[in-house]
């Protein structure tokens, strides 16, 4: 899954729920969701993808 697809799928998701499931800080999730972080760590993206696939 490409980063732009992950960001698109995050648009209708609750960041607090993603934060609680993944342990990724709310601020980091917000920066990714808003496109301010262009190159997040692969492990971060993998955790988000895992959440998106399971919820």
PDB file of N, CA and C in Angstrom:
ATOM      1  N   UNK A   1       0.850  -1.166   0.000  1.00  0.00           N
ATOM      2  CA  UNK A   1       0.000   0.000   0.000  1.00  0.00           C
ATOM      3  C   UNK A   1       0.900   1.235   0.000  1.00  0.00           C
ATOM      4  N   UNK A   2       0.651   2.137  -0.914  1.00  0.00           N
ATOM      5  CA  UNK A   2       1.439   3.372  -1.018  1.00  0.00           C
ATOM      6  C   UNK A   2       1.027   4.361   0.075  1.00  0.00           C
ATOM      7  N   UNK A   3       1.925   5.277   0.417  1.00  0.00           N
ATOM      8  CA  UNK A   3       1.656   6.249   1.471  1.00  0.00           C
ATOM      9  C   UNK A   3       0.418   7.081   1.161  1.00  0.00           C
ATOM     10  N   UNK A   4       0.250   7.511  -0.088  1.00  0.00           N
ATOM     11  CA  UNK A   4      -0.921   8.334  -0.417  1.00  0.00           C
ATOM     12  C   UNK A   4      -2.220   7.565  -0.204  1.00  0.00           C
ATOM     13  N   UNK A   5      -2.204   6.262  -0.435  1.00  0.00           N
ATOM     14  CA  UNK A   5      -3.386   5.430  -0.188  1.00  0.00           C
ATOM     15  C   UNK A   5      -3.653   5.306   1.315  1.00  0.00           C
ATOM     16  N   UNK A   6      -2.587   5.165   2.094  1.00  0.00           N
ATOM     17  CA  UNK A   6      -2.718   5.104   3.551  1.00  0.00           C
ATOM     18  C   UNK A   6      -3.321   6.408   4.061  1.00  0.00           C
ATOM     19  N   UNK A   7      -2.797   7.532   3.597  1.00  0.00           N
ATOM     20  CA  UNK A   7      -3.298   8.842   4.018  1.00  0.00           C
ATOM     21  C   UNK A   7      -4.771   8.991   3.643  1.00  0.00           C
ATOM     22  N   UNK A   8      -5.123   8.574   2.452  1.00  0.00           N
ATOM     23  CA  UNK A   8      -6.518   8.662   2.004  1.00  0.00           C
ATOM     24  C   UNK A   8      -7.433   7.835   2.910  1.00  0.00           C
ATOM     25  N   UNK A   9      -7.007   6.630   3.267  1.00  0.00           N
ATOM     26  CA  UNK A   9      -7.816   5.771   4.129  1.00  0.00           C
ATOM     27  C   UNK A   9      -7.894   6.314   5.553  1.00  0.00           C
ATOM     28  N   UNK A  10      -6.891   7.079   5.968  1.00  0.00           N
ATOM     29  CA  UNK A  10      -6.895   7.668   7.308  1.00  0.00           C
ATOM     30  C   UNK A  10      -7.886   8.822   7.427  1.00  0.00           C
ATOM     31  N   UNK A  11      -8.295   9.412   6.328  1.00  0.00           N
ATOM     32  CA  UNK A  11      -9.118  10.617   6.357  1.00  0.00           C
ATOM     33  C   UNK A  11     -10.429  10.434   7.117  1.00  0.00           C
ATOM     34  N   UNK A  12     -10.994   9.254   7.071  1.00  0.00           N
ATOM     35  CA  UNK A  12     -12.278   9.015   7.725  1.00  0.00           C
ATOM     36  C   UNK A  12     -12.129   8.158   8.980  1.00  0.00           C
ATOM     37  N   UNK A  13     -10.936   8.131   9.517  1.00  0.00           N
ATOM     38  CA  UNK A  13     -10.667   7.327  10.715  1.00  0.00           C
ATOM     39  C   UNK A  13     -10.373   8.233  11.898  1.00  0.00           C
ATOM     40  N   UNK A  14     -10.662   7.732  13.065  1.00  0.00           N
ATOM     41  CA  UNK A  14     -10.423   8.447  14.309  1.00  0.00           C
ATOM     42  C   UNK A  14      -8.951   8.280  14.699  1.00  0.00           C
ATOM     43  N   UNK A  15      -8.229   9.378  14.767  1.00  0.00           N
ATOM     44  CA  UNK A  15      -6.800   9.310  15.074  1.00  0.00           C
ATOM     45  C   UNK A  15      -6.542   8.790  16.484  1.00  0.00           C
ATOM     46  N   UNK A  16      -7.441   9.092  17.412  1.00  0.00           N
ATOM     47  CA  UNK A  16      -7.270   8.587  18.773  1.00  0.00           C
ATOM     48  C   UNK A  16      -7.330   7.066  18.785  1.00  0.00           C
ATOM     49  N   UNK A  17      -8.242   6.488  18.013  1.00  0.00           N
ATOM     50  CA  UNK A  17      -8.345   5.027  17.934  1.00  0.00           C
ATOM     51  C   UNK A  17      -7.088   4.430  17.314  1.00  0.00           C
ATOM     52  N   UNK A  18      -6.579   5.066  16.266  1.00  0.00           N
ATOM     53  CA  UNK A  18      -5.344   4.579  15.635  1.00  0.00           C
ATOM     54  C   UNK A  18      -4.189   4.673  16.627  1.00  0.00           C
ATOM     55  N   UNK A  19      -4.115   5.789  17.345  1.00  0.00           N
ATOM     56  CA  UNK A  19      -3.071   5.998  18.356  1.00  0.00           C
ATOM     57  C   UNK A  19      -3.117   4.900  19.417  1.00  0.00           C
ATOM     58  N   UNK A  20      -4.303   4.619  19.932  1.00  0.00           N
ATOM     59  CA  UNK A  20      -4.436   3.607  20.990  1.00  0.00           C
ATOM     60  C   UNK A  20      -4.032   2.220  20.500  1.00  0.00           C
ATOM     61  N   UNK A  21      -4.365   1.895  19.275  1.00  0.00           N
ATOM     62  CA  UNK A  21      -4.057   0.574  18.725  1.00  0.00           C
ATOM     63  C   UNK A  21      -2.571   0.433  18.387  1.00  0.00           C
ATOM     64  N   UNK A  22      -1.991   1.482  17.803  1.00  0.00           N
ATOM     65  CA  UNK A  22      -0.626   1.386  17.277  1.00  0.00           C
ATOM     66  C   UNK A  22       0.450   1.876  18.234  1.00  0.00           C
ATOM     67  N   UNK A  23       0.080   2.777  19.150  1.00  0.00           N
ATOM     68  CA  UNK A  23       1.070   3.390  20.023  1.00  0.00           C
ATOM     69  C   UNK A  23       1.794   4.563  19.376  1.00  0.00           C
ATOM     70  N   UNK A  24       1.410   4.909  18.162  1.00  0.00           N
ATOM     71  CA  UNK A  24       1.995   6.058  17.457  1.00  0.00           C
ATOM     72  C   UNK A  24       1.384   7.321  18.053  1.00  0.00           C
ATOM     73  N   UNK A  25       2.209   8.333  18.289  1.00  0.00           N
ATOM     74  CA  UNK A  25       1.690   9.552  18.903  1.00  0.00           C
ATOM     75  C   UNK A  25       0.616  10.198  18.031  1.00  0.00           C
ATOM     76  N   UNK A  26      -0.347  10.830  18.706  1.00  0.00           N
ATOM     77  CA  UNK A  26      -1.432  11.509  18.005  1.00  0.00           C
ATOM     78  C   UNK A  26      -0.862  12.564  17.064  1.00  0.00           C
ATOM     79  N   UNK A  27       0.159  13.294  17.527  1.00  0.00           N
ATOM     80  CA  UNK A  27       0.763  14.349  16.716  1.00  0.00           C
ATOM     81  C   UNK A  27       1.368  13.780  15.433  1.00  0.00           C
ATOM     82  N   UNK A  28       2.074  12.671  15.536  1.00  0.00           N
ATOM     83  CA  UNK A  28       2.657  12.035  14.350  1.00  0.00           C
ATOM     84  C   UNK A  28       1.568  11.615  13.377  1.00  0.00           C
ATOM     85  N   UNK A  29       0.507  11.001  13.894  1.00  0.00           N
ATOM     86  CA  UNK A  29      -0.613  10.593  13.040  1.00  0.00           C
ATOM     87  C   UNK A  29      -1.235  11.798  12.341  1.00  0.00           C
ATOM     88  N   UNK A  30      -1.398  12.882  13.088  1.00  0.00           N
ATOM     89  CA  UNK A  30      -1.979  14.100  12.517  1.00  0.00           C
ATOM     90  C   UNK A  30      -1.087  14.651  11.398  1.00  0.00           C
ATOM     91  N   UNK A  31       0.210  14.668  11.616  1.00  0.00           N
ATOM     92  CA  UNK A  31       1.134  15.176  10.599  1.00  0.00           C
ATOM     93  C   UNK A  31       1.110  14.317   9.339  1.00  0.00           C
ATOM     94  N   UNK A  32       0.985  13.016   9.502  1.00  0.00           N
ATOM     95  CA  UNK A  32       0.889  12.121   8.341  1.00  0.00           C
ATOM     96  C   UNK A  32      -0.437  12.350   7.628  1.00  0.00           C
ATOM     97  N   UNK A  33      -1.521  12.412   8.394  1.00  0.00           N
ATOM     98  CA  UNK A  33      -2.864  12.573   7.820  1.00  0.00           C
ATOM     99  C   UNK A  33      -3.001  13.879   7.044  1.00  0.00           C
ATOM    100  N   UNK A  34      -2.373  14.939   7.537  1.00  0.00           N
ATOM    101  CA  UNK A  34      -2.475  16.245   6.884  1.00  0.00           C
ATOM    102  C   UNK A  34      -1.427  16.446   5.794  1.00  0.00           C
ATOM    103  N   UNK A  35      -0.546  15.466   5.615  1.00  0.00           N
ATOM    104  CA  UNK A  35       0.452  15.552   4.562  1.00  0.00           C
ATOM    105  C   UNK A  35       1.679  16.364   4.916  1.00  0.00           C
ATOM    106  N   UNK A  36       1.805  16.765   6.172  1.00  0.00           N
ATOM    107  CA  UNK A  36       2.966  17.560   6.586  1.00  0.00           C
ATOM    108  C   UNK A  36       4.206  16.696   6.780  1.00  0.00           C
ATOM    109  N   UNK A  37       4.001  15.408   6.996  1.00  0.00           N
ATOM    110  CA  UNK A  37       5.110  14.453   7.046  1.00  0.00           C
ATOM    111  C   UNK A  37       5.088  13.683   5.741  1.00  0.00           C
ATOM    112  N   UNK A  38       6.080  13.914   4.911  1.00  0.00           N
ATOM    113  CA  UNK A  38       6.119  13.315   3.574  1.00  0.00           C
ATOM    114  C   UNK A  38       6.819  11.963   3.533  1.00  0.00           C
ATOM    115  N   UNK A  39       7.672  11.693   4.531  1.00  0.00           N
ATOM    116  CA  UNK A  39       8.473  10.473   4.499  1.00  0.00           C
ATOM    117  C   UNK A  39       8.544   9.839   5.895  1.00  0.00           C
ATOM    118  N   UNK A  40       7.415   9.306   6.391  1.00  0.00           N
ATOM    119  CA  UNK A  40       7.438   8.694   7.724  1.00  0.00           C
ATOM    120  C   UNK A  40       8.222   7.381   7.723  1.00  0.00           C
ATOM    121  N   UNK A  41       8.650   6.967   8.891  1.00  0.00           N
ATOM    122  CA  UNK A  41       9.369   5.696   9.025  1.00  0.00           C
ATOM    123  C   UNK A  41       8.496   4.549   8.530  1.00  0.00           C
ATOM    124  N   UNK A  42       9.116   3.575   7.919  1.00  0.00           N
ATOM    125  CA  UNK A  42       8.387   2.428   7.374  1.00  0.00           C
ATOM    126  C   UNK A  42       7.647   1.670   8.471  1.00  0.00           C
ATOM    127  N   UNK A  43       8.240   1.546   9.649  1.00  0.00           N
ATOM    128  CA  UNK A  43       7.581   0.844  10.760  1.00  0.00           C
ATOM    129  C   UNK A  43       6.308   1.576  11.174  1.00  0.00           C
ATOM    130  N   UNK A  44       6.334   2.893  11.131  1.00  0.00           N
ATOM    131  CA  UNK A  44       5.149   3.683  11.454  1.00  0.00           C
ATOM    132  C   UNK A  44       4.042   3.398  10.456  1.00  0.00           C
ATOM    133  N   UNK A  45       4.384   3.418   9.190  1.00  0.00           N
ATOM    134  CA  UNK A  45       3.401   3.159   8.131  1.00  0.00           C
ATOM    135  C   UNK A  45       2.874   1.729   8.240  1.00  0.00           C
ATOM    136  N   UNK A  46       3.743   0.780   8.541  1.00  0.00           N
ATOM    137  CA  UNK A  46       3.312  -0.613   8.686  1.00  0.00           C
ATOM    138  C   UNK A  46       2.297  -0.765   9.810  1.00  0.00           C
ATOM    139  N   UNK A  47       2.503  -0.063  10.926  1.00  0.00           N
ATOM    140  CA  UNK A  47       1.553  -0.121  12.040  1.00  0.00           C
ATOM    141  C   UNK A  47       0.205   0.475  11.640  1.00  0.00           C
ATOM    142  N   UNK A  48       0.233   1.568  10.896  1.00  0.00           N
ATOM    143  CA  UNK A  48      -1.016   2.187  10.440  1.00  0.00           C
ATOM    144  C   UNK A  48      -1.742   1.252   9.480  1.00  0.00           C
ATOM    145  N   UNK A  49      -1.006   0.652   8.559  1.00  0.00           N
ATOM    146  CA  UNK A  49      -1.613  -0.292   7.610  1.00  0.00           C
ATOM    147  C   UNK A  49      -2.240  -1.462   8.360  1.00  0.00           C
ATOM    148  N   UNK A  50      -1.552  -1.968   9.364  1.00  0.00           N
ATOM    149  CA  UNK A  50      -2.096  -3.064  10.160  1.00  0.00           C
ATOM    150  C   UNK A  50      -3.434  -2.655  10.778  1.00  0.00           C
ATOM    151  N   UNK A  51      -3.485  -1.464  11.335  1.00  0.00           N
ATOM    152  CA  UNK A  51      -4.746  -0.970  11.910  1.00  0.00           C
ATOM    153  C   UNK A  51      -5.829  -0.868  10.842  1.00  0.00           C
ATOM    154  N   UNK A  52      -5.501  -0.263   9.713  1.00  0.00           N
ATOM    155  CA  UNK A  52      -6.491  -0.055   8.656  1.00  0.00           C
ATOM    156  C   UNK A  52      -7.034  -1.377   8.117  1.00  0.00           C
ATOM    157  N   UNK A  53      -6.193  -2.379   8.039  1.00  0.00           N
ATOM    158  CA  UNK A  53      -6.631  -3.682   7.530  1.00  0.00           C
ATOM    159  C   UNK A  53      -7.518  -4.430   8.517  1.00  0.00           C
ATOM    160  N   UNK A  54      -7.342  -4.159   9.804  1.00  0.00           N
ATOM    161  CA  UNK A  54      -8.104  -4.885  10.825  1.00  0.00           C
ATOM    162  C   UNK A  54      -9.351  -4.145  11.292  1.00  0.00           C
ATOM    163  N   UNK A  55      -9.471  -2.872  10.941  1.00  0.00           N
ATOM    164  CA  UNK A  55     -10.624  -2.089  11.423  1.00  0.00           C
ATOM    165  C   UNK A  55     -11.353  -1.422  10.287  1.00  0.00           C
TER     166      UNK A  55
END
